[in-house]
N, C-alpha and C. Protein backbone atom coordinates (compact mmCIF):
# COMPACT_ATOMS: atom_id res chain seq x y z
N MET A 1 -58.54 74.97 -9.25
CA MET A 1 -57.42 74.69 -10.12
C MET A 1 -56.18 74.29 -9.34
N LYS A 2 -55.98 74.97 -8.28
CA LYS A 2 -54.81 74.67 -7.48
C LYS A 2 -54.87 73.25 -6.96
N GLU A 3 -56.02 72.83 -6.54
CA GLU A 3 -56.17 71.48 -6.03
C GLU A 3 -55.91 70.46 -7.12
N GLU A 4 -56.40 70.76 -8.32
CA GLU A 4 -56.17 69.85 -9.44
C GLU A 4 -54.69 69.74 -9.74
N GLU A 5 -54.03 70.86 -9.73
CA GLU A 5 -52.58 70.86 -9.97
C GLU A 5 -51.87 70.07 -8.87
N LYS A 6 -52.33 70.28 -7.66
CA LYS A 6 -51.74 69.54 -6.54
C LYS A 6 -51.92 68.05 -6.75
N ARG A 7 -53.16 67.67 -7.15
CA ARG A 7 -53.43 66.25 -7.40
C ARG A 7 -52.52 65.70 -8.48
N ARG A 8 -52.42 66.47 -9.60
CA ARG A 8 -51.54 66.05 -10.70
C ARG A 8 -50.12 65.89 -10.20
N GLU A 9 -49.69 66.88 -9.48
CA GLU A 9 -48.33 66.86 -8.93
C GLU A 9 -48.14 65.64 -8.04
N ASN A 10 -49.11 65.43 -7.16
CA ASN A 10 -49.03 64.27 -6.26
C ASN A 10 -49.02 62.96 -7.04
N ARG A 11 -49.91 62.92 -8.09
CA ARG A 11 -49.96 61.72 -8.92
C ARG A 11 -48.60 61.49 -9.58
N LYS A 12 -48.04 62.59 -10.10
CA LYS A 12 -46.72 62.52 -10.74
C LYS A 12 -45.69 62.01 -9.75
N LYS A 13 -45.72 62.60 -8.58
CA LYS A 13 -44.77 62.19 -7.54
C LYS A 13 -44.99 60.73 -7.19
N GLY A 14 -46.26 60.35 -7.08
CA GLY A 14 -46.60 58.96 -6.76
C GLY A 14 -46.09 58.01 -7.83
N LYS A 15 -46.29 58.40 -9.11
CA LYS A 15 -45.82 57.55 -10.21
C LYS A 15 -44.30 57.43 -10.18
N GLU A 16 -43.64 58.57 -9.98
CA GLU A 16 -42.17 58.54 -9.90
C GLU A 16 -41.71 57.66 -8.74
N GLU A 17 -42.42 57.83 -7.63
CA GLU A 17 -42.09 57.02 -6.45
C GLU A 17 -42.25 55.53 -6.77
N LYS A 18 -43.38 55.20 -7.42
CA LYS A 18 -43.63 53.81 -7.79
C LYS A 18 -42.53 53.30 -8.72
N ARG A 19 -42.18 54.17 -9.72
CA ARG A 19 -41.14 53.78 -10.68
C ARG A 19 -39.82 53.52 -9.94
N ARG A 20 -39.48 54.43 -9.03
CA ARG A 20 -38.25 54.25 -8.24
C ARG A 20 -38.30 52.95 -7.43
N GLU A 21 -39.47 52.72 -6.81
CA GLU A 21 -39.65 51.50 -6.03
C GLU A 21 -39.48 50.26 -6.92
N LYS A 22 -40.10 50.32 -8.12
CA LYS A 22 -39.99 49.20 -9.06
C LYS A 22 -38.54 48.94 -9.42
N LYS A 23 -37.83 50.06 -9.75
CA LYS A 23 -36.41 49.93 -10.11
C LYS A 23 -35.63 49.32 -8.95
N LYS A 24 -35.91 49.84 -7.76
CA LYS A 24 -35.24 49.35 -6.56
C LYS A 24 -35.48 47.84 -6.41
N GLU A 25 -36.76 47.47 -6.56
CA GLU A 25 -37.14 46.06 -6.45
C GLU A 25 -36.43 45.21 -7.51
N LYS A 26 -36.38 45.74 -8.73
CA LYS A 26 -35.72 45.04 -9.84
C LYS A 26 -34.25 44.80 -9.50
N ARG A 27 -33.60 45.90 -9.05
CA ARG A 27 -32.17 45.80 -8.69
C ARG A 27 -31.98 44.76 -7.58
N LYS A 28 -32.89 44.80 -6.60
CA LYS A 28 -32.82 43.87 -5.48
C LYS A 28 -32.92 42.43 -5.98
N LYS A 29 -33.91 42.18 -6.86
CA LYS A 29 -34.10 40.84 -7.39
C LYS A 29 -32.88 40.39 -8.18
N LYS A 30 -32.36 41.33 -9.00
CA LYS A 30 -31.17 41.03 -9.81
C LYS A 30 -30.01 40.64 -8.90
N ARG A 31 -29.80 41.44 -7.85
CA ARG A 31 -28.72 41.18 -6.90
C ARG A 31 -28.92 39.82 -6.23
N GLU A 32 -30.16 39.55 -5.83
CA GLU A 32 -30.46 38.27 -5.19
C GLU A 32 -30.17 37.09 -6.13
N ARG A 33 -30.58 37.24 -7.41
CA ARG A 33 -30.31 36.17 -8.39
C ARG A 33 -28.81 35.94 -8.54
N ARG A 34 -28.07 37.07 -8.66
CA ARG A 34 -26.62 36.99 -8.81
C ARG A 34 -25.99 36.29 -7.59
N GLU A 35 -26.42 36.74 -6.41
CA GLU A 35 -25.89 36.14 -5.18
C GLU A 35 -26.23 34.65 -5.10
N LYS A 36 -27.45 34.31 -5.52
CA LYS A 36 -27.88 32.91 -5.51
C LYS A 36 -26.98 32.08 -6.43
N LYS A 37 -26.73 32.63 -7.64
CA LYS A 37 -25.86 31.93 -8.60
C LYS A 37 -24.46 31.73 -8.01
N ILE A 38 -23.93 32.82 -7.43
CA ILE A 38 -22.59 32.75 -6.83
C ILE A 38 -22.57 31.69 -5.72
N LYS A 39 -23.61 31.72 -4.89
CA LYS A 39 -23.70 30.77 -3.79
C LYS A 39 -23.74 29.34 -4.32
N GLU A 40 -24.56 29.12 -5.35
CA GLU A 40 -24.66 27.78 -5.95
C GLU A 40 -23.31 27.33 -6.51
N LYS A 41 -22.65 28.27 -7.21
CA LYS A 41 -21.33 27.94 -7.77
C LYS A 41 -20.37 27.55 -6.66
N ARG A 42 -20.36 28.37 -5.60
CA ARG A 42 -19.48 28.11 -4.46
C ARG A 42 -19.77 26.73 -3.87
N GLU A 43 -21.07 26.46 -3.67
CA GLU A 43 -21.45 25.16 -3.11
C GLU A 43 -21.03 24.02 -4.01
N LYS A 44 -21.22 24.23 -5.33
CA LYS A 44 -20.82 23.21 -6.30
C LYS A 44 -19.33 22.96 -6.21
N SER A 45 -18.56 24.05 -6.18
CA SER A 45 -17.11 23.90 -6.13
C SER A 45 -16.68 23.24 -4.82
N GLU A 46 -17.35 23.63 -3.73
CA GLU A 46 -17.04 23.01 -2.44
C GLU A 46 -17.36 21.52 -2.47
N GLU A 47 -18.50 21.19 -3.10
CA GLU A 47 -18.87 19.78 -3.23
C GLU A 47 -17.82 19.04 -4.05
N ALA A 48 -17.42 19.67 -5.15
CA ALA A 48 -16.42 19.05 -6.02
C ALA A 48 -15.12 18.82 -5.25
N ILE A 49 -14.72 19.84 -4.50
CA ILE A 49 -13.49 19.73 -3.70
C ILE A 49 -13.63 18.59 -2.70
N GLU A 50 -14.78 18.55 -2.03
CA GLU A 50 -15.04 17.50 -1.04
C GLU A 50 -15.01 16.12 -1.70
N GLU A 51 -15.64 16.03 -2.88
CA GLU A 51 -15.64 14.75 -3.61
C GLU A 51 -14.22 14.34 -3.97
N LYS A 52 -13.44 15.31 -4.44
CA LYS A 52 -12.04 15.01 -4.79
C LYS A 52 -11.29 14.51 -3.57
N ARG A 53 -11.51 15.20 -2.45
CA ARG A 53 -10.85 14.82 -1.20
C ARG A 53 -11.22 13.38 -0.82
N GLU A 54 -12.53 13.10 -0.90
CA GLU A 54 -13.01 11.75 -0.58
C GLU A 54 -12.40 10.72 -1.52
N LYS A 55 -12.36 11.08 -2.80
CA LYS A 55 -11.80 10.18 -3.82
C LYS A 55 -10.34 9.88 -3.49
N ARG A 56 -9.58 10.94 -3.17
CA ARG A 56 -8.17 10.77 -2.83
C ARG A 56 -8.01 9.86 -1.61
N LYS A 57 -8.86 10.10 -0.59
CA LYS A 57 -8.81 9.27 0.62
C LYS A 57 -9.06 7.81 0.26
N GLU A 58 -10.09 7.59 -0.57
CA GLU A 58 -10.44 6.23 -0.97
C GLU A 58 -9.29 5.58 -1.74
N GLU A 59 -8.69 6.35 -2.66
CA GLU A 59 -7.56 5.83 -3.43
C GLU A 59 -6.40 5.47 -2.50
N LYS A 60 -6.15 6.33 -1.53
CA LYS A 60 -5.08 6.09 -0.56
C LYS A 60 -5.36 4.80 0.21
N ARG A 61 -6.62 4.65 0.66
CA ARG A 61 -7.01 3.44 1.39
C ARG A 61 -6.78 2.20 0.54
N GLU A 62 -7.22 2.28 -0.73
CA GLU A 62 -7.05 1.15 -1.66
C GLU A 62 -5.58 0.82 -1.84
N LYS A 63 -4.78 1.88 -2.01
CA LYS A 63 -3.34 1.69 -2.21
C LYS A 63 -2.72 0.98 -1.01
N GLN A 64 -3.09 1.44 0.19
CA GLN A 64 -2.57 0.83 1.42
C GLN A 64 -2.98 -0.64 1.51
N LYS A 65 -4.26 -0.91 1.15
CA LYS A 65 -4.74 -2.29 1.16
C LYS A 65 -3.88 -3.14 0.23
N GLU A 66 -3.68 -2.62 -0.97
CA GLU A 66 -2.89 -3.34 -1.98
C GLU A 66 -1.47 -3.57 -1.48
N GLU A 67 -0.89 -2.54 -0.87
CA GLU A 67 0.48 -2.67 -0.34
C GLU A 67 0.53 -3.74 0.74
N ARG A 68 -0.47 -3.73 1.63
CA ARG A 68 -0.51 -4.75 2.69
C ARG A 68 -0.60 -6.14 2.08
N ARG A 69 -1.47 -6.25 1.06
CA ARG A 69 -1.66 -7.54 0.39
C ARG A 69 -0.33 -8.00 -0.23
N THR A 70 0.33 -7.09 -0.95
CA THR A 70 1.59 -7.46 -1.59
C THR A 70 2.66 -7.75 -0.55
N ASP A 71 2.65 -6.99 0.55
CA ASP A 71 3.62 -7.25 1.62
C ASP A 71 3.42 -8.65 2.20
N LYS A 72 2.16 -9.02 2.40
CA LYS A 72 1.88 -10.36 2.93
C LYS A 72 2.38 -11.42 1.96
N LYS A 73 2.11 -11.19 0.67
CA LYS A 73 2.57 -12.14 -0.34
C LYS A 73 4.08 -12.25 -0.33
N LYS A 74 4.74 -11.09 -0.26
CA LYS A 74 6.21 -11.08 -0.21
C LYS A 74 6.70 -11.86 1.00
N GLU A 75 6.06 -11.61 2.15
CA GLU A 75 6.45 -12.30 3.38
C GLU A 75 6.30 -13.81 3.22
N LYS A 76 5.17 -14.22 2.64
CA LYS A 76 4.93 -15.65 2.43
C LYS A 76 6.02 -16.24 1.55
N ARG A 77 6.30 -15.54 0.44
CA ARG A 77 7.34 -16.02 -0.48
C ARG A 77 8.67 -16.13 0.23
N GLU A 78 8.98 -15.12 1.03
CA GLU A 78 10.25 -15.08 1.76
C GLU A 78 10.33 -16.27 2.73
N LYS A 79 9.24 -16.52 3.47
CA LYS A 79 9.23 -17.64 4.41
C LYS A 79 9.42 -18.95 3.67
N LYS A 80 8.71 -19.09 2.55
CA LYS A 80 8.82 -20.31 1.74
C LYS A 80 10.27 -20.51 1.31
N ARG A 81 10.86 -19.42 0.81
CA ARG A 81 12.24 -19.48 0.33
C ARG A 81 13.17 -19.88 1.47
N GLU A 82 12.96 -19.28 2.65
CA GLU A 82 13.80 -19.60 3.81
C GLU A 82 13.66 -21.07 4.19
N ARG A 83 12.41 -21.58 4.16
CA ARG A 83 12.20 -23.00 4.48
C ARG A 83 12.94 -23.89 3.49
N ARG A 84 12.80 -23.56 2.20
CA ARG A 84 13.49 -24.35 1.16
C ARG A 84 14.99 -24.33 1.39
N GLU A 85 15.49 -23.13 1.67
CA GLU A 85 16.93 -22.96 1.92
C GLU A 85 17.37 -23.81 3.11
N LYS A 86 16.58 -23.77 4.18
CA LYS A 86 16.90 -24.52 5.39
C LYS A 86 16.95 -26.02 5.08
N LYS A 87 15.91 -26.49 4.35
CA LYS A 87 15.87 -27.91 3.99
C LYS A 87 17.09 -28.28 3.17
N ARG A 88 17.41 -27.41 2.20
CA ARG A 88 18.55 -27.67 1.33
C ARG A 88 19.84 -27.78 2.15
N LYS A 89 19.99 -26.85 3.08
CA LYS A 89 21.19 -26.85 3.92
C LYS A 89 21.25 -28.12 4.76
N GLU A 90 20.07 -28.50 5.32
CA GLU A 90 20.02 -29.72 6.13
C GLU A 90 20.43 -30.93 5.30
N LYS A 91 19.87 -31.02 4.08
CA LYS A 91 20.20 -32.14 3.19
C LYS A 91 21.69 -32.15 2.90
N LYS A 92 22.19 -30.95 2.59
CA LYS A 92 23.61 -30.81 2.27
C LYS A 92 24.45 -31.29 3.46
N GLY A 93 24.05 -30.86 4.65
CA GLY A 93 24.75 -31.25 5.88
C GLY A 93 24.72 -32.76 6.08
N LYS A 94 23.53 -33.35 5.85
CA LYS A 94 23.40 -34.80 6.02
C LYS A 94 24.30 -35.53 5.03
N ARG A 95 24.29 -35.05 3.78
CA ARG A 95 25.14 -35.68 2.75
C ARG A 95 26.60 -35.58 3.16
N ARG A 96 26.96 -34.40 3.67
CA ARG A 96 28.35 -34.17 4.10
C ARG A 96 28.71 -35.13 5.23
N GLU A 97 27.79 -35.20 6.21
CA GLU A 97 28.02 -36.11 7.33
C GLU A 97 28.17 -37.54 6.85
N LYS A 98 27.32 -37.92 5.91
CA LYS A 98 27.35 -39.26 5.35
C LYS A 98 28.72 -39.52 4.72
N ARG A 99 29.14 -38.54 3.90
CA ARG A 99 30.44 -38.65 3.22
C ARG A 99 31.57 -38.78 4.23
N ILE A 100 31.50 -37.88 5.24
CA ILE A 100 32.54 -37.90 6.28
C ILE A 100 32.53 -39.25 6.99
N GLY A 101 31.31 -39.73 7.31
CA GLY A 101 31.17 -41.03 7.97
C GLY A 101 31.78 -42.14 7.13
N GLU A 102 31.48 -42.09 5.81
CA GLU A 102 32.03 -43.10 4.91
C GLU A 102 33.55 -43.03 4.90
N LYS A 103 34.09 -41.82 4.85
CA LYS A 103 35.56 -41.65 4.84
C LYS A 103 36.16 -42.23 6.12
N ARG A 104 35.52 -41.93 7.26
CA ARG A 104 36.02 -42.43 8.54
C ARG A 104 36.03 -43.96 8.55
N ARG A 105 34.88 -44.54 8.09
CA ARG A 105 34.79 -46.01 8.05
C ARG A 105 35.89 -46.59 7.18
N GLN A 106 36.08 -45.90 6.02
CA GLN A 106 37.11 -46.37 5.09
C GLN A 106 38.49 -46.32 5.75
N LYS A 107 38.78 -45.21 6.40
CA LYS A 107 40.08 -45.06 7.07
C LYS A 107 40.25 -46.15 8.13
N ARG A 108 39.17 -46.37 8.91
CA ARG A 108 39.21 -47.39 9.95
C ARG A 108 39.54 -48.76 9.34
N LYS A 109 38.86 -49.07 8.22
CA LYS A 109 39.09 -50.34 7.53
C LYS A 109 40.55 -50.46 7.10
N GLU A 110 41.03 -49.34 6.51
CA GLU A 110 42.43 -49.34 6.05
C GLU A 110 43.38 -49.58 7.22
N LYS A 111 43.11 -48.92 8.35
CA LYS A 111 43.95 -49.09 9.54
C LYS A 111 43.95 -50.54 9.98
N GLU A 112 42.73 -51.12 10.01
CA GLU A 112 42.62 -52.52 10.42
C GLU A 112 43.38 -53.42 9.47
N LYS A 113 43.28 -53.14 8.17
CA LYS A 113 44.01 -53.93 7.18
C LYS A 113 45.49 -53.86 7.46
N ARG A 114 45.98 -52.64 7.67
CA ARG A 114 47.41 -52.45 7.94
C ARG A 114 47.82 -53.21 9.21
N ARG A 115 46.98 -53.12 10.24
CA ARG A 115 47.24 -53.81 11.49
C ARG A 115 47.34 -55.33 11.25
N GLU A 116 46.35 -55.83 10.49
CA GLU A 116 46.35 -57.26 10.17
C GLU A 116 47.60 -57.64 9.38
N MET A 117 47.96 -56.80 8.43
CA MET A 117 49.15 -57.06 7.61
C MET A 117 50.38 -57.13 8.52
N ARG A 118 50.45 -56.16 9.45
CA ARG A 118 51.58 -56.14 10.37
C ARG A 118 51.61 -57.42 11.21
N LYS A 119 50.44 -57.79 11.70
CA LYS A 119 50.34 -59.02 12.51
C LYS A 119 50.80 -60.22 11.69
N GLU A 120 50.30 -60.28 10.44
CA GLU A 120 50.68 -61.40 9.57
C GLU A 120 52.18 -61.40 9.34
N LYS A 121 52.71 -60.20 9.12
CA LYS A 121 54.16 -60.07 8.90
C LYS A 121 54.91 -60.59 10.12
N GLU A 122 54.46 -60.13 11.28
CA GLU A 122 55.10 -60.55 12.53
C GLU A 122 55.01 -62.07 12.70
N ILE A 123 53.84 -62.62 12.41
CA ILE A 123 53.65 -64.07 12.52
C ILE A 123 54.59 -64.78 11.54
N GLY A 124 54.66 -64.22 10.32
CA GLY A 124 55.55 -64.78 9.30
C GLY A 124 56.99 -64.74 9.76
N GLU A 125 57.41 -63.64 10.35
CA GLU A 125 58.79 -63.48 10.82
C GLU A 125 59.07 -64.45 11.97
N LYS A 126 58.09 -64.60 12.86
CA LYS A 126 58.26 -65.53 13.99
C LYS A 126 58.44 -66.95 13.48
N ARG A 127 57.68 -67.34 12.46
CA ARG A 127 57.79 -68.67 11.89
C ARG A 127 59.18 -68.88 11.30
N LYS A 128 59.63 -67.81 10.62
CA LYS A 128 60.96 -67.93 10.01
C LYS A 128 62.01 -68.14 11.10
N GLU A 129 61.87 -67.45 12.19
CA GLU A 129 62.82 -67.57 13.29
C GLU A 129 62.74 -68.97 13.91
N ASP A 130 61.59 -69.52 13.98
CA ASP A 130 61.42 -70.84 14.59
C ASP A 130 61.90 -71.83 13.59
């Protein structure tokens, strides 16, 4: 009888031990699942952060490209405007020179006319004297 009781007791202990082991295993699996989920979430968020970072970098690159493009266009426009301005000034200068030249010629002609008139007057006076 004692042996039978011992066996029963051992069996009981064995069952309890198995139950404890099962519970332990269950808890372990549960913890592992939870940790796995947390890890996946963390990785997902890290990926999202990395993607956002990459997106921002790409946007920045695009913006810089666009700025360079617009800067080049502005420069071209500015150069064109400067060339037009230069041409306009040159034309204006030429017209001015032309006008000044015409005025000088006119003055010269007037001087010559006056000189001739004086000469004629002098000739006329000399004739009168003779």
